[in-house]
N, C-alpha and C. Protein backbone atom coordinates (compact mmCIF):
# COMPACT_ATOMS: atom_id res chain seq x y z
N PHE A 1 -16.64 -51.12 16.38
CA PHE A 1 -16.01 -49.86 16.73
C PHE A 1 -15.10 -49.99 17.95
N ASN A 2 -15.31 -51.00 18.75
CA ASN A 2 -14.54 -51.11 19.98
C ASN A 2 -13.10 -51.58 19.77
N VAL A 3 -12.70 -51.81 18.52
CA VAL A 3 -11.31 -52.16 18.24
C VAL A 3 -10.59 -51.06 17.45
N LEU A 4 -11.28 -49.99 17.09
CA LEU A 4 -10.66 -48.90 16.34
C LEU A 4 -9.71 -48.10 17.23
N PRO A 5 -8.72 -47.43 16.64
CA PRO A 5 -7.85 -46.57 17.44
C PRO A 5 -8.64 -45.43 18.08
N PHE A 6 -8.20 -44.98 19.23
CA PHE A 6 -8.86 -43.89 19.93
C PHE A 6 -8.28 -42.54 19.56
N ALA A 7 -7.07 -42.52 19.00
CA ALA A 7 -6.41 -41.28 18.63
C ALA A 7 -5.43 -41.58 17.50
N ALA A 8 -5.00 -40.51 16.85
CA ALA A 8 -3.96 -40.62 15.82
C ALA A 8 -3.11 -39.36 15.88
N VAL A 9 -1.87 -39.48 15.48
CA VAL A 9 -0.98 -38.33 15.40
C VAL A 9 -0.43 -38.28 13.98
N VAL A 10 -0.59 -37.12 13.34
CA VAL A 10 -0.13 -36.92 11.97
C VAL A 10 1.24 -36.25 12.03
N ASP A 11 2.24 -36.93 11.49
CA ASP A 11 3.61 -36.41 11.38
C ASP A 11 4.13 -35.80 12.68
N GLU A 12 3.79 -36.41 13.80
CA GLU A 12 4.25 -36.01 15.12
C GLU A 12 3.81 -34.61 15.54
N LYS A 13 2.86 -33.99 14.81
CA LYS A 13 2.48 -32.60 15.10
C LYS A 13 0.98 -32.35 15.25
N ILE A 14 0.14 -33.21 14.67
CA ILE A 14 -1.30 -32.98 14.71
C ILE A 14 -1.95 -34.13 15.46
N PHE A 15 -2.52 -33.81 16.62
CA PHE A 15 -3.17 -34.81 17.48
C PHE A 15 -4.64 -34.88 17.11
N CYS A 16 -5.10 -36.07 16.71
CA CYS A 16 -6.49 -36.28 16.29
C CYS A 16 -7.20 -37.15 17.31
N ILE A 17 -8.38 -36.71 17.72
CA ILE A 17 -9.14 -37.41 18.76
C ILE A 17 -10.62 -37.22 18.46
N HIS A 18 -11.46 -38.16 18.89
CA HIS A 18 -12.88 -38.02 18.59
C HIS A 18 -13.50 -36.80 19.27
N ALA A 19 -13.31 -36.65 20.58
CA ALA A 19 -13.98 -35.57 21.29
C ALA A 19 -12.99 -34.55 21.84
N GLY A 20 -12.17 -34.95 22.78
CA GLY A 20 -11.29 -33.97 23.39
C GLY A 20 -10.30 -34.58 24.35
N LEU A 21 -9.87 -33.74 25.27
CA LEU A 21 -8.81 -34.11 26.20
C LEU A 21 -9.40 -34.62 27.51
N SER A 22 -8.52 -35.07 28.38
CA SER A 22 -8.92 -35.59 29.69
C SER A 22 -7.97 -35.06 30.75
N PRO A 23 -8.49 -34.73 31.94
CA PRO A 23 -7.57 -34.34 33.01
C PRO A 23 -6.68 -35.51 33.45
N ASP A 24 -7.05 -36.73 33.07
CA ASP A 24 -6.25 -37.91 33.41
C ASP A 24 -5.22 -38.27 32.34
N LEU A 25 -5.22 -37.53 31.23
CA LEU A 25 -4.28 -37.82 30.13
C LEU A 25 -2.99 -37.04 30.36
N ASN A 26 -1.96 -37.75 30.76
CA ASN A 26 -0.66 -37.12 30.99
C ASN A 26 0.30 -37.34 29.83
N SER A 27 0.05 -38.39 29.05
CA SER A 27 0.92 -38.72 27.93
C SER A 27 0.11 -39.46 26.87
N PRO A 28 0.34 -39.15 25.60
CA PRO A 28 -0.33 -39.92 24.54
C PRO A 28 -0.03 -41.42 24.61
N GLU A 29 1.07 -41.78 25.26
CA GLU A 29 1.39 -43.20 25.44
C GLU A 29 0.30 -43.93 26.22
N GLN A 30 -0.39 -43.22 27.10
CA GLN A 30 -1.49 -43.84 27.85
C GLN A 30 -2.57 -44.36 26.90
N ILE A 31 -2.81 -43.65 25.83
CA ILE A 31 -3.83 -44.06 24.86
C ILE A 31 -3.40 -45.34 24.17
N LYS A 32 -2.12 -45.43 23.84
CA LYS A 32 -1.61 -46.65 23.18
C LYS A 32 -1.77 -47.88 24.06
N ARG A 33 -1.76 -47.67 25.37
CA ARG A 33 -1.83 -48.81 26.30
C ARG A 33 -3.26 -49.28 26.58
N ILE A 34 -4.26 -48.62 26.03
CA ILE A 34 -5.64 -49.06 26.25
C ILE A 34 -5.84 -50.39 25.53
N VAL A 35 -6.26 -51.38 26.26
CA VAL A 35 -6.47 -52.72 25.70
C VAL A 35 -7.78 -52.72 24.92
N ARG A 36 -7.72 -53.24 23.69
CA ARG A 36 -8.91 -53.34 22.86
C ARG A 36 -9.18 -54.80 22.57
N PRO A 37 -10.42 -55.19 22.35
CA PRO A 37 -11.59 -54.31 22.28
C PRO A 37 -11.89 -53.69 23.65
N ALA A 38 -12.44 -52.47 23.60
CA ALA A 38 -12.75 -51.74 24.83
C ALA A 38 -14.14 -51.12 24.72
N ASP A 39 -14.90 -51.28 25.78
CA ASP A 39 -16.19 -50.59 25.87
C ASP A 39 -15.96 -49.24 26.54
N VAL A 40 -16.81 -48.28 26.23
CA VAL A 40 -16.65 -46.94 26.77
C VAL A 40 -17.16 -46.92 28.22
N PRO A 41 -16.29 -46.58 29.16
CA PRO A 41 -16.73 -46.51 30.55
C PRO A 41 -17.52 -45.22 30.81
N ASP A 42 -18.15 -45.14 31.97
CA ASP A 42 -18.95 -43.97 32.33
C ASP A 42 -18.11 -42.80 32.80
N SER A 43 -16.86 -43.04 33.10
CA SER A 43 -15.97 -41.96 33.55
C SER A 43 -14.53 -42.39 33.29
N GLY A 44 -13.62 -41.45 33.48
CA GLY A 44 -12.20 -41.74 33.29
C GLY A 44 -11.67 -41.28 31.95
N MET A 45 -10.41 -41.55 31.72
CA MET A 45 -9.72 -41.02 30.54
C MET A 45 -10.39 -41.42 29.24
N LEU A 46 -10.69 -42.70 29.05
CA LEU A 46 -11.28 -43.13 27.78
C LEU A 46 -12.64 -42.46 27.56
N CYS A 47 -13.44 -42.37 28.58
CA CYS A 47 -14.72 -41.67 28.48
C CYS A 47 -14.49 -40.22 28.04
N ASP A 48 -13.51 -39.55 28.63
CA ASP A 48 -13.23 -38.15 28.30
C ASP A 48 -12.77 -37.99 26.85
N LEU A 49 -11.93 -38.90 26.37
CA LEU A 49 -11.45 -38.81 24.99
C LEU A 49 -12.60 -38.89 24.00
N LEU A 50 -13.69 -39.53 24.40
CA LEU A 50 -14.84 -39.72 23.52
C LEU A 50 -16.01 -38.78 23.81
N TRP A 51 -15.94 -38.01 24.92
CA TRP A 51 -17.08 -37.18 25.30
C TRP A 51 -16.76 -35.74 25.70
N SER A 52 -15.52 -35.39 25.97
CA SER A 52 -15.23 -34.03 26.45
C SER A 52 -15.36 -33.01 25.32
N ASP A 53 -15.58 -31.75 25.71
CA ASP A 53 -15.80 -30.67 24.74
C ASP A 53 -15.01 -29.43 25.13
N PRO A 54 -14.50 -28.68 24.15
CA PRO A 54 -13.90 -27.38 24.45
C PRO A 54 -14.99 -26.38 24.81
N GLU A 55 -14.64 -25.43 25.66
CA GLU A 55 -15.61 -24.41 26.10
C GLU A 55 -14.91 -23.06 26.19
N ALA A 56 -15.38 -22.09 25.45
CA ALA A 56 -14.73 -20.79 25.36
C ALA A 56 -14.78 -20.00 26.66
N ASP A 57 -15.79 -20.21 27.46
CA ASP A 57 -16.02 -19.35 28.63
C ASP A 57 -15.38 -19.85 29.91
N ILE A 58 -14.51 -20.84 29.82
CA ILE A 58 -13.91 -21.35 31.05
C ILE A 58 -12.39 -21.41 30.94
N SER A 59 -11.77 -21.53 32.09
CA SER A 59 -10.35 -21.81 32.19
C SER A 59 -10.24 -23.14 32.94
N GLY A 60 -9.34 -23.99 32.51
CA GLY A 60 -9.20 -25.28 33.16
C GLY A 60 -10.30 -26.24 32.76
N TRP A 61 -10.82 -26.97 33.74
CA TRP A 61 -11.82 -28.02 33.52
C TRP A 61 -13.11 -27.66 34.22
N ALA A 62 -14.24 -28.07 33.64
CA ALA A 62 -15.55 -27.86 34.27
C ALA A 62 -16.46 -29.03 33.92
N GLU A 63 -17.58 -29.14 34.63
CA GLU A 63 -18.56 -30.18 34.33
C GLU A 63 -19.14 -29.94 32.94
N ASN A 64 -19.46 -31.02 32.26
CA ASN A 64 -20.03 -30.95 30.92
C ASN A 64 -21.56 -30.99 31.02
N ASP A 65 -22.23 -30.11 30.28
CA ASP A 65 -23.70 -30.09 30.26
C ASP A 65 -24.30 -31.39 29.74
N ARG A 66 -23.50 -32.19 29.05
CA ARG A 66 -24.00 -33.47 28.54
C ARG A 66 -24.29 -34.45 29.67
N GLY A 67 -23.74 -34.17 30.84
CA GLY A 67 -23.92 -35.08 31.97
C GLY A 67 -22.86 -36.15 32.05
N VAL A 68 -21.86 -36.06 31.18
CA VAL A 68 -20.77 -37.02 31.17
C VAL A 68 -19.49 -36.26 30.80
N SER A 69 -18.39 -36.62 31.40
CA SER A 69 -17.08 -36.05 31.10
C SER A 69 -17.00 -34.58 31.50
N TYR A 70 -16.13 -33.83 30.80
CA TYR A 70 -15.80 -32.46 31.16
C TYR A 70 -15.84 -31.54 29.95
N THR A 71 -15.79 -30.24 30.25
CA THR A 71 -15.43 -29.26 29.24
C THR A 71 -14.05 -28.73 29.64
N PHE A 72 -13.33 -28.21 28.66
CA PHE A 72 -11.99 -27.71 28.93
C PHE A 72 -11.78 -26.37 28.21
N GLY A 73 -10.95 -25.53 28.82
CA GLY A 73 -10.70 -24.21 28.28
C GLY A 73 -9.51 -24.16 27.33
N ALA A 74 -9.33 -22.99 26.72
CA ALA A 74 -8.22 -22.78 25.79
C ALA A 74 -6.87 -23.00 26.47
N ASP A 75 -6.79 -22.69 27.75
CA ASP A 75 -5.53 -22.88 28.47
C ASP A 75 -5.13 -24.36 28.53
N VAL A 76 -6.11 -25.24 28.64
CA VAL A 76 -5.84 -26.68 28.66
C VAL A 76 -5.28 -27.12 27.31
N VAL A 77 -5.86 -26.59 26.24
CA VAL A 77 -5.38 -26.91 24.88
C VAL A 77 -3.93 -26.45 24.72
N SER A 78 -3.65 -25.21 25.09
CA SER A 78 -2.29 -24.67 24.95
C SER A 78 -1.26 -25.48 25.73
N LYS A 79 -1.61 -25.82 26.97
CA LYS A 79 -0.68 -26.60 27.80
C LYS A 79 -0.42 -27.99 27.20
N PHE A 80 -1.47 -28.64 26.71
CA PHE A 80 -1.32 -29.96 26.12
C PHE A 80 -0.42 -29.90 24.88
N LEU A 81 -0.67 -28.93 24.01
CA LEU A 81 0.15 -28.81 22.79
C LEU A 81 1.60 -28.53 23.13
N GLN A 82 1.83 -27.62 24.05
CA GLN A 82 3.20 -27.27 24.43
C GLN A 82 3.92 -28.47 25.07
N LYS A 83 3.24 -29.14 25.97
CA LYS A 83 3.85 -30.27 26.69
C LYS A 83 4.28 -31.39 25.74
N HIS A 84 3.50 -31.63 24.68
CA HIS A 84 3.75 -32.76 23.79
C HIS A 84 4.30 -32.34 22.43
N ASP A 85 4.63 -31.06 22.29
CA ASP A 85 5.22 -30.52 21.05
C ASP A 85 4.33 -30.77 19.83
N TYR A 86 3.02 -30.61 20.01
CA TYR A 86 2.07 -30.68 18.91
C TYR A 86 1.71 -29.26 18.47
N ASP A 87 1.23 -29.15 17.24
CA ASP A 87 0.80 -27.85 16.71
C ASP A 87 -0.71 -27.67 16.70
N LEU A 88 -1.46 -28.77 16.65
CA LEU A 88 -2.91 -28.67 16.45
C LEU A 88 -3.60 -29.90 17.03
N ILE A 89 -4.79 -29.68 17.57
CA ILE A 89 -5.69 -30.78 17.94
C ILE A 89 -6.85 -30.75 16.95
N VAL A 90 -7.15 -31.90 16.36
CA VAL A 90 -8.31 -32.04 15.47
C VAL A 90 -9.28 -32.98 16.17
N ARG A 91 -10.53 -32.52 16.30
CA ARG A 91 -11.55 -33.33 16.96
C ARG A 91 -12.86 -33.17 16.20
N ALA A 92 -13.84 -33.99 16.58
CA ALA A 92 -15.15 -33.97 15.93
C ALA A 92 -16.20 -33.78 17.03
N HIS A 93 -17.20 -34.67 17.09
CA HIS A 93 -18.09 -34.84 18.23
C HIS A 93 -19.16 -33.77 18.41
N GLN A 94 -19.06 -32.63 17.74
CA GLN A 94 -20.08 -31.59 17.88
C GLN A 94 -20.43 -31.02 16.52
N VAL A 95 -21.73 -30.82 16.31
CA VAL A 95 -22.17 -30.16 15.08
C VAL A 95 -21.67 -28.72 15.11
N VAL A 96 -21.02 -28.29 14.03
CA VAL A 96 -20.64 -26.89 13.88
C VAL A 96 -21.24 -26.40 12.56
N GLU A 97 -21.74 -25.19 12.56
CA GLU A 97 -22.54 -24.67 11.45
C GLU A 97 -21.84 -24.73 10.11
N ASP A 98 -20.56 -24.38 10.07
CA ASP A 98 -19.84 -24.30 8.80
C ASP A 98 -19.01 -25.54 8.49
N GLY A 99 -19.18 -26.60 9.25
CA GLY A 99 -18.44 -27.84 9.01
C GLY A 99 -17.14 -27.92 9.78
N TYR A 100 -16.54 -26.78 10.06
CA TYR A 100 -15.35 -26.74 10.91
C TYR A 100 -15.35 -25.44 11.69
N GLU A 101 -14.70 -25.47 12.84
CA GLU A 101 -14.66 -24.28 13.69
C GLU A 101 -13.41 -24.33 14.54
N PHE A 102 -12.67 -23.23 14.55
CA PHE A 102 -11.45 -23.15 15.35
C PHE A 102 -11.76 -22.72 16.78
N PHE A 103 -10.85 -23.07 17.67
CA PHE A 103 -10.94 -22.77 19.10
C PHE A 103 -9.53 -22.51 19.59
N ALA A 104 -9.40 -21.72 20.64
CA ALA A 104 -8.11 -21.50 21.31
C ALA A 104 -7.07 -20.95 20.34
N ASP A 105 -7.42 -19.84 19.67
CA ASP A 105 -6.49 -19.20 18.73
C ASP A 105 -5.98 -20.16 17.67
N ARG A 106 -6.89 -20.94 17.12
CA ARG A 106 -6.60 -21.87 16.02
C ARG A 106 -5.68 -23.02 16.43
N GLN A 107 -5.64 -23.32 17.72
CA GLN A 107 -4.87 -24.46 18.21
C GLN A 107 -5.68 -25.75 18.21
N LEU A 108 -7.00 -25.63 18.08
CA LEU A 108 -7.90 -26.78 18.03
C LEU A 108 -8.94 -26.49 16.96
N VAL A 109 -9.28 -27.52 16.20
CA VAL A 109 -10.36 -27.38 15.22
C VAL A 109 -11.35 -28.51 15.43
N THR A 110 -12.63 -28.13 15.46
CA THR A 110 -13.71 -29.11 15.46
C THR A 110 -14.11 -29.33 14.01
N LEU A 111 -14.07 -30.56 13.58
CA LEU A 111 -14.35 -30.94 12.19
C LEU A 111 -15.56 -31.87 12.20
N PHE A 112 -16.62 -31.47 11.50
CA PHE A 112 -17.85 -32.27 11.48
C PHE A 112 -18.23 -32.49 10.03
N SER A 113 -18.20 -33.73 9.58
CA SER A 113 -18.31 -34.01 8.14
C SER A 113 -19.71 -34.37 7.66
N ALA A 114 -20.70 -34.36 8.54
CA ALA A 114 -22.06 -34.75 8.13
C ALA A 114 -22.93 -33.51 7.92
N PRO A 115 -23.15 -33.11 6.65
CA PRO A 115 -24.03 -31.96 6.42
C PRO A 115 -25.48 -32.31 6.76
N ASN A 116 -26.23 -31.31 7.19
CA ASN A 116 -27.65 -31.48 7.54
C ASN A 116 -27.80 -32.68 8.48
N TYR A 117 -27.03 -32.68 9.56
CA TYR A 117 -26.94 -33.82 10.47
C TYR A 117 -28.31 -34.30 10.92
N CYS A 118 -28.59 -35.56 10.67
CA CYS A 118 -29.84 -36.23 11.05
C CYS A 118 -31.08 -35.52 10.54
N GLY A 119 -30.93 -34.67 9.52
CA GLY A 119 -32.06 -33.94 8.98
C GLY A 119 -32.58 -32.87 9.92
N GLU A 120 -31.87 -32.60 11.01
CA GLU A 120 -32.33 -31.67 12.03
C GLU A 120 -31.57 -30.35 12.04
N PHE A 121 -30.35 -30.35 11.55
CA PHE A 121 -29.53 -29.15 11.55
C PHE A 121 -29.27 -28.75 10.11
N ASP A 122 -29.21 -27.48 9.84
CA ASP A 122 -28.90 -27.00 8.49
C ASP A 122 -27.40 -26.71 8.39
N ASN A 123 -26.61 -27.56 8.99
CA ASN A 123 -25.16 -27.35 9.03
C ASN A 123 -24.49 -27.84 7.75
N ALA A 124 -23.38 -27.21 7.43
CA ALA A 124 -22.50 -27.74 6.38
C ALA A 124 -21.62 -28.81 7.04
N GLY A 125 -21.04 -29.65 6.21
CA GLY A 125 -20.02 -30.58 6.67
C GLY A 125 -18.69 -30.10 6.13
N ALA A 126 -17.61 -30.69 6.57
CA ALA A 126 -16.30 -30.32 6.05
C ALA A 126 -15.36 -31.52 6.13
N VAL A 127 -14.41 -31.55 5.22
CA VAL A 127 -13.29 -32.47 5.30
C VAL A 127 -12.01 -31.64 5.30
N MET A 128 -11.00 -32.13 5.95
CA MET A 128 -9.75 -31.40 6.07
C MET A 128 -8.66 -32.18 5.34
N ALA A 129 -7.91 -31.47 4.51
CA ALA A 129 -6.75 -32.05 3.83
C ALA A 129 -5.49 -31.47 4.48
N ILE A 130 -4.47 -32.29 4.59
CA ILE A 130 -3.20 -31.87 5.17
C ILE A 130 -2.12 -32.15 4.13
N ASP A 131 -1.39 -31.11 3.72
CA ASP A 131 -0.35 -31.33 2.71
C ASP A 131 0.97 -31.73 3.37
N GLU A 132 2.01 -31.90 2.57
CA GLU A 132 3.31 -32.38 3.07
C GLU A 132 3.93 -31.45 4.09
N SER A 133 3.61 -30.16 4.01
CA SER A 133 4.16 -29.19 4.97
C SER A 133 3.24 -29.01 6.17
N LEU A 134 2.23 -29.86 6.29
CA LEU A 134 1.22 -29.84 7.35
C LEU A 134 0.30 -28.62 7.28
N MET A 135 0.19 -28.03 6.10
CA MET A 135 -0.79 -26.97 5.88
C MET A 135 -2.15 -27.62 5.75
N CYS A 136 -3.11 -27.14 6.52
CA CYS A 136 -4.46 -27.71 6.51
C CYS A 136 -5.39 -26.85 5.66
N SER A 137 -6.20 -27.51 4.86
CA SER A 137 -7.22 -26.82 4.08
C SER A 137 -8.53 -27.58 4.23
N PHE A 138 -9.63 -26.88 3.99
CA PHE A 138 -10.95 -27.45 4.24
C PHE A 138 -11.79 -27.41 2.98
N ARG A 139 -12.55 -28.46 2.79
CA ARG A 139 -13.54 -28.51 1.72
C ARG A 139 -14.91 -28.56 2.40
N ILE A 140 -15.76 -27.63 2.04
CA ILE A 140 -17.07 -27.52 2.67
C ILE A 140 -18.07 -28.36 1.89
N LEU A 141 -18.86 -29.12 2.61
CA LEU A 141 -19.92 -29.95 2.04
C LEU A 141 -21.25 -29.33 2.42
N LYS A 142 -21.91 -28.70 1.46
CA LYS A 142 -23.18 -28.02 1.72
C LYS A 142 -24.29 -29.04 1.91
N PRO A 143 -25.28 -28.73 2.74
CA PRO A 143 -26.41 -29.65 2.90
C PRO A 143 -27.19 -29.78 1.60
N ALA A 144 -27.61 -31.00 1.28
CA ALA A 144 -28.46 -31.23 0.11
C ALA A 144 -29.88 -30.79 0.45
N GLU A 145 -30.65 -30.51 -0.59
CA GLU A 145 -32.05 -30.19 -0.34
C GLU A 145 -32.72 -31.39 0.30
N LYS A 146 -33.50 -31.15 1.33
CA LYS A 146 -34.10 -32.23 2.10
C LYS A 146 -35.02 -33.11 1.26
N SER A 147 -35.63 -32.54 0.23
CA SER A 147 -36.59 -33.31 -0.56
C SER A 147 -35.92 -34.31 -1.51
N LYS A 148 -34.60 -34.20 -1.69
CA LYS A 148 -33.90 -35.08 -2.63
C LYS A 148 -33.73 -36.51 -2.10
N PHE A 149 -33.70 -36.66 -0.79
CA PHE A 149 -33.38 -37.95 -0.22
C PHE A 149 -34.47 -38.38 0.76
N GLY A 150 -34.66 -39.66 0.89
CA GLY A 150 -35.69 -40.17 1.78
C GLY A 150 -35.14 -40.66 3.10
N PHE A 151 -34.06 -40.07 3.58
CA PHE A 151 -33.53 -40.48 4.87
C PHE A 151 -33.20 -39.25 5.69
N GLY A 152 -32.79 -39.46 6.90
CA GLY A 152 -32.55 -38.35 7.82
C GLY A 152 -33.77 -38.21 8.70
N GLY A 153 -33.60 -37.60 9.80
CA GLY A 153 -34.74 -37.44 10.69
C GLY A 153 -34.46 -38.05 12.04
N GLY A 154 -35.49 -38.30 12.77
CA GLY A 154 -35.37 -38.59 14.19
C GLY A 154 -35.03 -40.01 14.58
N SER A 155 -34.43 -40.82 13.74
CA SER A 155 -34.17 -42.20 14.11
C SER A 155 -32.92 -42.37 14.97
N ARG A 156 -32.03 -41.37 15.01
CA ARG A 156 -30.80 -41.46 15.80
C ARG A 156 -30.77 -40.34 16.82
N PRO A 157 -30.14 -40.55 17.95
CA PRO A 157 -30.00 -39.44 18.90
C PRO A 157 -29.10 -38.37 18.30
N LEU A 158 -29.40 -37.13 18.60
CA LEU A 158 -28.67 -36.01 18.02
C LEU A 158 -27.43 -35.66 18.83
N THR A 159 -26.40 -35.20 18.13
CA THR A 159 -25.24 -34.62 18.77
C THR A 159 -25.56 -33.15 18.96
N PRO A 160 -25.49 -32.63 20.19
CA PRO A 160 -25.86 -31.23 20.40
C PRO A 160 -24.94 -30.29 19.63
N PRO A 161 -25.50 -29.16 19.15
CA PRO A 161 -24.65 -28.19 18.45
C PRO A 161 -23.67 -27.56 19.42
N ARG A 162 -22.57 -27.08 18.88
CA ARG A 162 -21.54 -26.44 19.68
C ARG A 162 -22.06 -25.11 20.18
N LYS A 163 -21.81 -24.80 21.45
CA LYS A 163 -22.20 -23.51 22.02
C LYS A 163 -21.34 -22.42 21.42
N LYS A 164 -21.90 -21.28 21.17
CA LYS A 164 -21.14 -20.13 20.65
C LYS A 164 -20.68 -19.24 21.78
């Protein structure tokens, strides 16, 4: 995993990242300059790209309850999109009940594709399709009945659910 890209941009308009933004991220070019393979540091831009979370109740940046990185408000999302001429941020990193969830007036979407995550959440998963005009649509993946499969459960650490 330490050689995979940290971000992607779809047709110069949709910024895709694992977790979120960083107060140290001034240009997407900074991400391109990260030397790989790279281990995740305990702080700094790369840590934030993999651990930060959007938070509805704040403006700007705040400490993250996870104990690592930051949370960021809708204003941070809007400024980032405007500065870089993007239309949408797509991120993952948090369980959301319906598989996807919008934030910041639909400027950011959290996309989580694992239904019934670790056998602990009754969440749906979702996948997002983007057509030629950059219209996004979602396919919902409902959780399977727990008795059908012999896996899931407490063997992996859980990703905390998104705060409402």
